[in-house]
N, C-alpha and C. Protein backbone atom coordinates (compact mmCIF):
# COMPACT_ATOMS: atom_id res chain seq x y z
N MET A 1 -106.33 119.84 -23.21
CA MET A 1 -105.81 118.69 -22.51
C MET A 1 -106.52 118.49 -21.17
N ASN A 2 -106.74 119.61 -20.42
CA ASN A 2 -107.41 119.48 -19.13
C ASN A 2 -108.82 118.94 -19.27
N LYS A 3 -109.57 119.40 -20.31
CA LYS A 3 -110.92 118.91 -20.53
C LYS A 3 -110.90 117.41 -20.79
N PHE A 4 -109.90 116.95 -21.53
CA PHE A 4 -109.80 115.53 -21.82
C PHE A 4 -109.56 114.74 -20.54
N LEU A 5 -108.66 115.21 -19.69
CA LEU A 5 -108.37 114.51 -18.44
C LEU A 5 -109.59 114.52 -17.51
N ILE A 6 -110.31 115.63 -17.47
CA ILE A 6 -111.51 115.70 -16.64
C ILE A 6 -112.56 114.72 -17.16
N SER A 7 -112.72 114.65 -18.49
CA SER A 7 -113.68 113.70 -19.07
C SER A 7 -113.32 112.27 -18.71
N ILE A 8 -112.05 111.93 -18.79
CA ILE A 8 -111.59 110.58 -18.45
C ILE A 8 -111.85 110.30 -16.97
N LEU A 9 -111.56 111.29 -16.11
CA LEU A 9 -111.78 111.12 -14.68
C LEU A 9 -113.25 110.86 -14.37
N PHE A 10 -114.15 111.66 -14.94
CA PHE A 10 -115.57 111.47 -14.66
C PHE A 10 -116.10 110.18 -15.26
N ALA A 11 -115.59 109.78 -16.40
CA ALA A 11 -115.99 108.49 -16.97
C ALA A 11 -115.56 107.36 -16.03
N PHE A 12 -114.34 107.45 -15.49
CA PHE A 12 -113.85 106.44 -14.55
C PHE A 12 -114.72 106.41 -13.29
N ILE A 13 -115.04 107.62 -12.76
CA ILE A 13 -115.87 107.69 -11.55
C ILE A 13 -117.23 107.08 -11.82
N SER A 14 -117.83 107.39 -12.97
CA SER A 14 -119.16 106.86 -13.26
C SER A 14 -119.14 105.34 -13.39
N ILE A 15 -118.11 104.81 -14.04
CA ILE A 15 -118.00 103.35 -14.17
C ILE A 15 -117.82 102.72 -12.79
N PHE A 16 -116.98 103.34 -11.96
CA PHE A 16 -116.75 102.83 -10.61
C PHE A 16 -118.04 102.84 -9.80
N LEU A 17 -118.77 103.98 -9.85
CA LEU A 17 -120.00 104.07 -9.07
C LEU A 17 -121.04 103.07 -9.54
N MET A 18 -121.16 102.88 -10.86
CA MET A 18 -122.13 101.92 -11.37
C MET A 18 -121.74 100.49 -10.98
N SER A 19 -120.43 100.21 -10.96
CA SER A 19 -120.01 98.85 -10.62
C SER A 19 -120.20 98.56 -9.14
N CYS A 20 -120.29 99.61 -8.34
CA CYS A 20 -120.50 99.42 -6.90
C CYS A 20 -121.95 99.09 -6.58
N GLY A 21 -122.84 99.24 -7.55
CA GLY A 21 -124.26 99.06 -7.23
C GLY A 21 -124.69 100.17 -6.30
N ASN A 22 -124.66 101.40 -6.81
CA ASN A 22 -124.80 102.60 -5.99
C ASN A 22 -125.97 102.57 -5.02
N ASN A 23 -127.03 101.89 -5.30
CA ASN A 23 -128.15 101.86 -4.37
C ASN A 23 -127.84 100.99 -3.15
N LYS A 24 -126.93 100.01 -3.28
CA LYS A 24 -126.62 99.12 -2.17
C LYS A 24 -125.71 99.76 -1.14
N HIS A 25 -124.88 100.73 -1.55
CA HIS A 25 -123.85 101.26 -0.68
C HIS A 25 -124.10 102.69 -0.24
N ARG A 26 -125.29 103.19 -0.42
CA ARG A 26 -125.60 104.55 0.00
C ARG A 26 -125.58 104.63 1.52
N ASN A 27 -125.05 105.74 2.03
CA ASN A 27 -125.08 105.98 3.46
C ASN A 27 -126.03 107.13 3.79
N PHE A 28 -126.97 107.38 2.87
CA PHE A 28 -127.95 108.43 3.06
C PHE A 28 -129.27 108.02 2.41
N THR A 29 -130.35 108.63 2.87
CA THR A 29 -131.66 108.43 2.23
C THR A 29 -132.34 109.78 2.11
N MET A 30 -133.16 109.91 1.10
CA MET A 30 -133.92 111.14 0.88
C MET A 30 -135.23 111.02 1.64
N GLY A 31 -135.49 111.98 2.52
CA GLY A 31 -136.74 111.97 3.27
C GLY A 31 -137.87 112.61 2.47
N HIS A 32 -139.09 112.27 2.83
CA HIS A 32 -140.26 112.85 2.18
C HIS A 32 -140.38 114.34 2.47
N ASP A 33 -139.68 114.80 3.50
CA ASP A 33 -139.73 116.21 3.88
C ASP A 33 -138.70 117.06 3.14
N GLY A 34 -137.98 116.44 2.18
CA GLY A 34 -136.99 117.17 1.41
C GLY A 34 -135.61 117.19 2.05
N LEU A 35 -135.49 116.62 3.22
CA LEU A 35 -134.20 116.56 3.91
C LEU A 35 -133.51 115.24 3.61
N ILE A 36 -132.21 115.20 3.87
CA ILE A 36 -131.41 114.00 3.62
C ILE A 36 -130.94 113.47 4.96
N TYR A 37 -131.17 112.16 5.17
CA TYR A 37 -130.87 111.51 6.44
C TYR A 37 -129.81 110.44 6.27
N LYS A 38 -129.11 110.13 7.38
CA LYS A 38 -128.23 108.97 7.39
C LYS A 38 -129.09 107.73 7.22
N THR A 39 -128.58 106.75 6.50
CA THR A 39 -129.34 105.53 6.24
C THR A 39 -129.75 104.87 7.55
N ASN A 40 -130.99 104.40 7.61
CA ASN A 40 -131.55 103.71 8.78
C ASN A 40 -131.45 104.55 10.06
N SER A 41 -131.66 105.87 9.90
CA SER A 41 -131.51 106.75 11.05
C SER A 41 -132.40 107.97 10.86
N GLN A 42 -132.71 108.63 11.96
CA GLN A 42 -133.42 109.90 11.89
C GLN A 42 -132.44 111.07 11.99
N LYS A 43 -131.14 110.79 11.96
CA LYS A 43 -130.12 111.83 12.05
C LYS A 43 -129.91 112.45 10.67
N LEU A 44 -129.81 113.78 10.65
CA LEU A 44 -129.59 114.49 9.39
C LEU A 44 -128.19 114.20 8.88
N TYR A 45 -128.08 114.03 7.56
CA TYR A 45 -126.81 113.70 6.91
C TYR A 45 -126.03 114.97 6.64
N SER A 46 -124.70 114.90 6.80
CA SER A 46 -123.78 115.95 6.38
C SER A 46 -122.63 115.29 5.66
N GLY A 47 -122.21 115.86 4.56
CA GLY A 47 -121.10 115.32 3.79
C GLY A 47 -121.33 115.49 2.31
N GLU A 48 -120.40 115.00 1.52
CA GLU A 48 -120.52 115.10 0.07
C GLU A 48 -121.29 113.91 -0.47
N ILE A 49 -122.12 114.16 -1.47
CA ILE A 49 -122.84 113.08 -2.14
C ILE A 49 -122.41 113.05 -3.59
N ILE A 50 -121.99 111.89 -4.03
CA ILE A 50 -121.74 111.63 -5.45
C ILE A 50 -122.58 110.41 -5.77
N ASP A 51 -123.52 110.55 -6.69
CA ASP A 51 -124.45 109.48 -6.98
C ASP A 51 -124.61 109.37 -8.48
N THR A 52 -125.06 108.23 -8.94
CA THR A 52 -125.27 108.01 -10.36
C THR A 52 -126.67 107.47 -10.58
N VAL A 53 -127.44 108.18 -11.39
CA VAL A 53 -128.74 107.72 -11.82
C VAL A 53 -128.61 107.60 -13.33
N ASN A 54 -129.01 108.63 -14.07
CA ASN A 54 -128.72 108.72 -15.50
C ASN A 54 -127.60 109.71 -15.75
N VAL A 55 -127.20 110.40 -14.70
CA VAL A 55 -126.09 111.35 -14.72
C VAL A 55 -125.31 111.17 -13.41
N ILE A 56 -124.14 111.77 -13.36
CA ILE A 56 -123.35 111.78 -12.12
C ILE A 56 -123.74 113.06 -11.38
N ILE A 57 -124.25 112.89 -10.16
CA ILE A 57 -124.71 114.02 -9.36
C ILE A 57 -123.73 114.22 -8.22
N GLN A 58 -123.34 115.49 -8.00
CA GLN A 58 -122.38 115.77 -6.94
C GLN A 58 -122.79 117.05 -6.21
N TYR A 59 -122.92 116.95 -4.89
CA TYR A 59 -123.25 118.12 -4.08
C TYR A 59 -122.92 117.85 -2.63
N ASP A 60 -122.90 118.92 -1.85
CA ASP A 60 -122.64 118.82 -0.42
C ASP A 60 -123.95 118.96 0.34
N VAL A 61 -123.97 118.32 1.50
CA VAL A 61 -125.13 118.36 2.38
C VAL A 61 -124.66 118.82 3.76
N VAL A 62 -125.39 119.76 4.34
CA VAL A 62 -125.10 120.24 5.68
C VAL A 62 -126.40 120.15 6.49
N LYS A 63 -126.36 119.33 7.54
CA LYS A 63 -127.52 119.12 8.40
C LYS A 63 -128.77 118.78 7.60
N GLY A 64 -128.61 117.87 6.64
CA GLY A 64 -129.74 117.36 5.88
C GLY A 64 -130.15 118.18 4.68
N LYS A 65 -129.54 119.33 4.47
CA LYS A 65 -129.93 120.20 3.36
C LYS A 65 -128.79 120.36 2.37
N LYS A 66 -129.16 120.39 1.08
CA LYS A 66 -128.17 120.64 0.04
C LYS A 66 -127.66 122.06 0.20
N ASN A 67 -126.33 122.20 0.18
CA ASN A 67 -125.69 123.51 0.31
C ASN A 67 -124.42 123.53 -0.51
N GLY A 68 -124.18 124.66 -1.19
CA GLY A 68 -122.94 124.84 -1.93
C GLY A 68 -123.07 124.46 -3.39
N LEU A 69 -121.95 124.11 -3.96
CA LEU A 69 -121.86 123.78 -5.38
C LEU A 69 -122.69 122.53 -5.69
N PHE A 70 -123.47 122.60 -6.77
CA PHE A 70 -124.26 121.45 -7.25
C PHE A 70 -123.88 121.24 -8.71
N MET A 71 -123.47 120.02 -9.03
CA MET A 71 -123.08 119.70 -10.40
C MET A 71 -123.65 118.35 -10.81
N THR A 72 -123.99 118.25 -12.07
CA THR A 72 -124.28 116.95 -12.65
C THR A 72 -123.48 116.83 -13.93
N HIS A 73 -123.05 115.62 -14.20
CA HIS A 73 -122.29 115.32 -15.42
C HIS A 73 -122.98 114.18 -16.14
N TYR A 74 -122.94 114.23 -17.46
CA TYR A 74 -123.39 113.08 -18.24
C TYR A 74 -122.44 111.92 -17.94
N LEU A 75 -122.86 110.71 -18.20
CA LEU A 75 -122.03 109.54 -17.88
C LEU A 75 -120.71 109.52 -18.64
N ASP A 76 -120.63 110.26 -19.75
CA ASP A 76 -119.36 110.34 -20.48
C ASP A 76 -118.42 111.39 -19.90
N GLY A 77 -118.86 112.08 -18.84
CA GLY A 77 -118.01 113.05 -18.16
C GLY A 77 -118.31 114.50 -18.51
N HIS A 78 -119.06 114.77 -19.57
CA HIS A 78 -119.39 116.15 -19.91
C HIS A 78 -120.32 116.76 -18.86
N LEU A 79 -120.07 118.03 -18.55
CA LEU A 79 -120.88 118.75 -17.59
C LEU A 79 -122.31 118.89 -18.12
N GLU A 80 -123.32 118.61 -17.26
CA GLU A 80 -124.72 118.77 -17.64
C GLU A 80 -125.30 120.06 -17.03
N LYS A 81 -125.07 120.29 -15.74
CA LYS A 81 -125.53 121.53 -15.11
C LYS A 81 -124.62 121.89 -13.95
N PHE A 82 -124.66 123.17 -13.62
CA PHE A 82 -123.74 123.70 -12.63
C PHE A 82 -124.39 124.90 -11.97
N GLY A 83 -124.46 124.91 -10.64
CA GLY A 83 -124.99 126.06 -9.93
C GLY A 83 -124.79 125.91 -8.43
N PHE A 84 -125.44 126.76 -7.68
CA PHE A 84 -125.29 126.74 -6.23
C PHE A 84 -126.64 126.57 -5.55
N ILE A 85 -126.59 125.94 -4.38
CA ILE A 85 -127.78 125.70 -3.58
C ILE A 85 -127.51 126.17 -2.16
N GLU A 86 -128.49 126.84 -1.58
CA GLU A 86 -128.43 127.22 -0.16
C GLU A 86 -129.70 126.73 0.50
N ASN A 87 -129.55 125.90 1.53
CA ASN A 87 -130.70 125.37 2.27
C ASN A 87 -131.75 124.75 1.35
N ASN A 88 -131.31 123.91 0.43
CA ASN A 88 -132.16 123.19 -0.53
C ASN A 88 -132.77 124.08 -1.61
N LEU A 89 -132.35 125.33 -1.73
CA LEU A 89 -132.91 126.25 -2.73
C LEU A 89 -131.83 126.66 -3.74
N ASN A 90 -132.18 126.62 -5.03
CA ASN A 90 -131.26 127.07 -6.06
C ASN A 90 -131.08 128.58 -5.94
N VAL A 91 -129.82 129.03 -6.00
CA VAL A 91 -129.52 130.46 -5.89
C VAL A 91 -128.42 130.82 -6.88
N GLY A 92 -128.39 132.08 -7.29
CA GLY A 92 -127.32 132.57 -8.15
C GLY A 92 -127.40 132.03 -9.57
N GLU A 93 -126.29 132.16 -10.26
CA GLU A 93 -126.23 131.77 -11.66
C GLU A 93 -126.16 130.25 -11.83
N TRP A 94 -126.95 129.75 -12.77
CA TRP A 94 -126.94 128.33 -13.14
C TRP A 94 -126.67 128.23 -14.63
N LYS A 95 -125.91 127.21 -15.00
CA LYS A 95 -125.63 126.93 -16.41
C LYS A 95 -126.00 125.48 -16.70
N TYR A 96 -126.61 125.29 -17.87
CA TYR A 96 -127.02 123.97 -18.34
C TYR A 96 -126.34 123.72 -19.68
N TYR A 97 -125.91 122.47 -19.91
CA TYR A 97 -125.15 122.15 -21.11
C TYR A 97 -125.77 120.99 -21.88
N PHE A 98 -125.60 121.03 -23.19
CA PHE A 98 -125.97 119.91 -24.06
C PHE A 98 -124.94 118.80 -23.89
N PRO A 99 -125.28 117.56 -24.28
CA PRO A 99 -124.30 116.47 -24.21
C PRO A 99 -123.03 116.74 -25.02
N ASN A 100 -123.12 117.60 -26.05
CA ASN A 100 -121.92 117.91 -26.85
C ASN A 100 -121.01 118.93 -26.18
N GLY A 101 -121.40 119.42 -24.99
CA GLY A 101 -120.57 120.37 -24.24
C GLY A 101 -120.94 121.82 -24.46
N ASN A 102 -121.78 122.12 -25.45
CA ASN A 102 -122.20 123.49 -25.69
C ASN A 102 -123.22 123.94 -24.64
N LEU A 103 -123.19 125.24 -24.35
CA LEU A 103 -124.12 125.82 -23.38
C LEU A 103 -125.55 125.71 -23.89
N GLU A 104 -126.46 125.21 -23.03
CA GLU A 104 -127.88 125.09 -23.37
C GLU A 104 -128.68 126.28 -22.85
N SER A 105 -128.39 126.71 -21.62
CA SER A 105 -129.05 127.89 -21.07
C SER A 105 -128.27 128.42 -19.88
N ILE A 106 -128.52 129.70 -19.59
CA ILE A 106 -127.88 130.35 -18.46
C ILE A 106 -128.86 131.35 -17.86
N GLY A 107 -128.92 131.37 -16.54
CA GLY A 107 -129.80 132.31 -15.85
C GLY A 107 -129.57 132.25 -14.36
N ARG A 108 -130.37 133.01 -13.65
CA ARG A 108 -130.21 133.13 -12.20
C ARG A 108 -131.46 132.65 -11.47
N PHE A 109 -131.22 132.17 -10.26
CA PHE A 109 -132.30 131.79 -9.35
C PHE A 109 -132.20 132.61 -8.08
N GLU A 110 -133.35 132.91 -7.51
CA GLU A 110 -133.45 133.44 -6.15
C GLU A 110 -134.48 132.58 -5.44
N ASN A 111 -134.05 131.89 -4.39
CA ASN A 111 -134.94 130.98 -3.65
C ASN A 111 -135.64 129.99 -4.57
N SER A 112 -134.88 129.39 -5.48
CA SER A 112 -135.34 128.39 -6.45
C SER A 112 -136.33 128.93 -7.48
N LYS A 113 -136.43 130.23 -7.60
CA LYS A 113 -137.30 130.82 -8.62
C LYS A 113 -136.43 131.54 -9.64
N ALA A 114 -136.71 131.29 -10.93
CA ALA A 114 -135.97 131.96 -12.00
C ALA A 114 -136.21 133.46 -11.89
N GLU A 115 -135.12 134.23 -11.95
CA GLU A 115 -135.20 135.69 -11.83
C GLU A 115 -134.24 136.32 -12.82
N GLY A 116 -134.69 137.40 -13.44
CA GLY A 116 -133.81 138.16 -14.32
C GLY A 116 -133.64 137.52 -15.69
N LYS A 117 -132.57 137.92 -16.34
CA LYS A 117 -132.34 137.51 -17.73
C LYS A 117 -131.94 136.03 -17.83
N TRP A 118 -132.59 135.33 -18.75
CA TRP A 118 -132.25 133.96 -19.10
C TRP A 118 -132.03 133.89 -20.60
N ILE A 119 -131.04 133.13 -21.00
CA ILE A 119 -130.76 132.91 -22.41
C ILE A 119 -130.68 131.41 -22.64
N SER A 120 -131.34 130.93 -23.68
CA SER A 120 -131.21 129.52 -24.06
C SER A 120 -130.62 129.47 -25.47
N TYR A 121 -129.96 128.36 -25.77
CA TYR A 121 -129.21 128.22 -27.01
C TYR A 121 -129.62 126.94 -27.74
N TYR A 122 -129.41 126.95 -29.04
CA TYR A 122 -129.49 125.73 -29.83
C TYR A 122 -128.19 124.95 -29.60
N SER A 123 -128.19 123.67 -29.91
CA SER A 123 -126.99 122.86 -29.68
C SER A 123 -125.80 123.31 -30.54
N ASN A 124 -126.07 124.09 -31.60
CA ASN A 124 -124.97 124.60 -32.43
C ASN A 124 -124.36 125.88 -31.85
N GLY A 125 -124.90 126.37 -30.72
CA GLY A 125 -124.36 127.55 -30.06
C GLY A 125 -125.10 128.84 -30.36
N ALA A 126 -126.02 128.83 -31.32
CA ALA A 126 -126.79 130.03 -31.65
C ALA A 126 -127.84 130.27 -30.56
N ILE A 127 -128.12 131.55 -30.30
CA ILE A 127 -129.14 131.88 -29.29
C ILE A 127 -130.51 131.44 -29.80
N LYS A 128 -131.28 130.82 -28.91
CA LYS A 128 -132.63 130.34 -29.22
C LYS A 128 -133.68 131.31 -28.67
N THR A 129 -133.57 131.65 -27.38
CA THR A 129 -134.48 132.61 -26.75
C THR A 129 -133.71 133.44 -25.74
N GLU A 130 -134.22 134.65 -25.51
CA GLU A 130 -133.69 135.46 -24.42
C GLU A 130 -134.80 136.33 -23.89
N GLY A 131 -134.85 136.43 -22.57
CA GLY A 131 -135.87 137.23 -21.93
C GLY A 131 -135.70 137.22 -20.43
N ASN A 132 -136.64 137.79 -19.74
CA ASN A 132 -136.56 137.94 -18.28
C ASN A 132 -137.66 137.18 -17.57
N TYR A 133 -137.29 136.68 -16.40
CA TYR A 133 -138.24 136.06 -15.49
C TYR A 133 -138.42 136.95 -14.27
N LEU A 134 -139.62 136.96 -13.77
CA LEU A 134 -139.92 137.61 -12.51
C LEU A 134 -140.69 136.59 -11.69
N ASN A 135 -140.06 136.10 -10.61
CA ASN A 135 -140.68 135.09 -9.76
C ASN A 135 -141.08 133.84 -10.56
N SER A 136 -140.16 133.38 -11.41
CA SER A 136 -140.33 132.20 -12.29
C SER A 136 -141.43 132.35 -13.34
N THR A 137 -141.82 133.58 -13.63
CA THR A 137 -142.82 133.85 -14.64
C THR A 137 -142.21 134.76 -15.71
N ARG A 138 -142.44 134.42 -16.99
CA ARG A 138 -141.93 135.28 -18.06
C ARG A 138 -142.53 136.67 -17.93
N GLU A 139 -141.66 137.67 -18.10
CA GLU A 139 -142.09 139.05 -17.96
C GLU A 139 -141.34 139.92 -18.96
N GLY A 140 -142.07 140.82 -19.61
CA GLY A 140 -141.44 141.75 -20.54
C GLY A 140 -141.18 141.12 -21.90
N ARG A 141 -140.16 141.63 -22.57
CA ARG A 141 -139.86 141.24 -23.95
C ARG A 141 -139.01 139.97 -24.01
N TRP A 142 -139.51 139.00 -24.76
CA TRP A 142 -138.78 137.77 -25.05
C TRP A 142 -138.53 137.70 -26.55
N ILE A 143 -137.30 137.40 -26.92
CA ILE A 143 -136.94 137.30 -28.33
C ILE A 143 -136.66 135.84 -28.66
N LEU A 144 -137.29 135.36 -29.74
CA LEU A 144 -137.10 133.99 -30.20
C LEU A 144 -136.37 134.03 -31.54
N TYR A 145 -135.31 133.22 -31.66
CA TYR A 145 -134.47 133.19 -32.85
C TYR A 145 -134.58 131.82 -33.52
N ASN A 146 -134.29 131.77 -34.81
CA ASN A 146 -134.11 130.48 -35.47
C ASN A 146 -132.66 130.08 -35.29
N ASN A 147 -132.30 128.87 -35.71
CA ASN A 147 -130.93 128.39 -35.46
C ASN A 147 -129.89 129.07 -36.34
N ALA A 148 -130.33 129.96 -37.25
CA ALA A 148 -129.39 130.76 -38.05
C ALA A 148 -129.14 132.11 -37.39
N GLY A 149 -129.81 132.38 -36.26
CA GLY A 149 -129.59 133.61 -35.53
C GLY A 149 -130.52 134.75 -35.92
N GLU A 150 -131.52 134.47 -36.75
CA GLU A 150 -132.47 135.51 -37.16
C GLU A 150 -133.64 135.56 -36.17
N ILE A 151 -134.10 136.77 -35.88
CA ILE A 151 -135.24 136.91 -34.97
C ILE A 151 -136.50 136.40 -35.66
N VAL A 152 -137.19 135.48 -35.01
CA VAL A 152 -138.42 134.91 -35.53
C VAL A 152 -139.63 135.65 -34.94
N ASN A 153 -139.63 135.80 -33.62
CA ASN A 153 -140.73 136.46 -32.92
C ASN A 153 -140.19 137.30 -31.77
N ILE A 154 -140.94 138.35 -31.48
CA ILE A 154 -140.75 139.09 -30.25
C ILE A 154 -142.08 139.00 -29.52
N ILE A 155 -142.03 138.48 -28.31
CA ILE A 155 -143.26 138.28 -27.53
C ILE A 155 -143.16 139.12 -26.27
N ILE A 156 -144.22 139.87 -26.00
CA ILE A 156 -144.28 140.69 -24.80
C ILE A 156 -145.18 139.98 -23.79
N TYR A 157 -144.65 139.76 -22.57
CA TYR A 157 -145.38 139.09 -21.49
C TYR A 157 -145.65 140.09 -20.36
N HIS A 158 -146.76 139.88 -19.70
CA HIS A 158 -147.04 140.57 -18.44
C HIS A 158 -147.70 139.56 -17.51
N ASP A 159 -147.08 139.36 -16.35
CA ASP A 159 -147.55 138.35 -15.39
C ASP A 159 -147.68 136.97 -16.04
N GLY A 160 -146.76 136.64 -16.95
CA GLY A 160 -146.74 135.34 -17.59
C GLY A 160 -147.71 135.18 -18.75
N GLU A 161 -148.48 136.19 -19.03
CA GLU A 161 -149.45 136.12 -20.12
C GLU A 161 -148.95 136.91 -21.32
N VAL A 162 -149.21 136.36 -22.52
CA VAL A 162 -148.78 137.02 -23.75
C VAL A 162 -149.64 138.26 -23.98
N ILE A 163 -148.99 139.40 -24.12
CA ILE A 163 -149.67 140.66 -24.37
C ILE A 163 -149.62 141.00 -25.86
N LYS A 164 -148.48 140.69 -26.50
CA LYS A 164 -148.29 141.06 -27.90
C LYS A 164 -147.28 140.12 -28.53
N VAL A 165 -147.51 139.76 -29.80
CA VAL A 165 -146.57 138.94 -30.56
C VAL A 165 -146.24 139.67 -31.85
N GLN A 166 -144.96 139.85 -32.10
CA GLN A 166 -144.51 140.45 -33.34
C GLN A 166 -143.77 139.38 -34.13
N ASN A 167 -144.34 138.95 -35.25
CA ASN A 167 -143.67 137.98 -36.12
C ASN A 167 -142.68 138.72 -37.00
N ARG A 168 -141.43 138.25 -37.01
CA ARG A 168 -140.39 138.93 -37.78
C ARG A 168 -140.08 138.21 -39.08
N ILE A 169 -140.28 136.91 -39.13
CA ILE A 169 -140.01 136.12 -40.33
C ILE A 169 -141.28 135.39 -40.73
N SER A 170 -141.64 135.49 -41.98
CA SER A 170 -142.86 134.79 -42.45
C SER A 170 -142.53 133.44 -42.99
């Protein structure tokens, strides 16, 4: 029931934002330097941003930089991605979702670089790939599955380069 109410709420918000002509009523602008400013001003923006492009984007800004919870939702209200940002950098665990609501991938960032174990899924919920990143580069053993959950390949990476491929299914 709660998921249904949340979906209805986000659908209503998206319709409202689109009907407002979101580009006409913005009180912030994105600077070329990566910072966010008050419209027609050199003053750094602080506050919550909810915007609609092809998704509903929601995040907080402190002194011109994205900080805190960052979420995007599909226009139908389903969650698209969820994570945290500190000083414009992705940090901690991030989750990405398919339009059907199933998890698409999960992993961690440190200073906007993928780090540690990442898992991606097929839209049916079966694991697609799993492996580790080191400084946003694939490292070590990566396992690739078919959508039935069978291991297709095991690929060994070092510094982002393929060292060895083991085919499991012919």
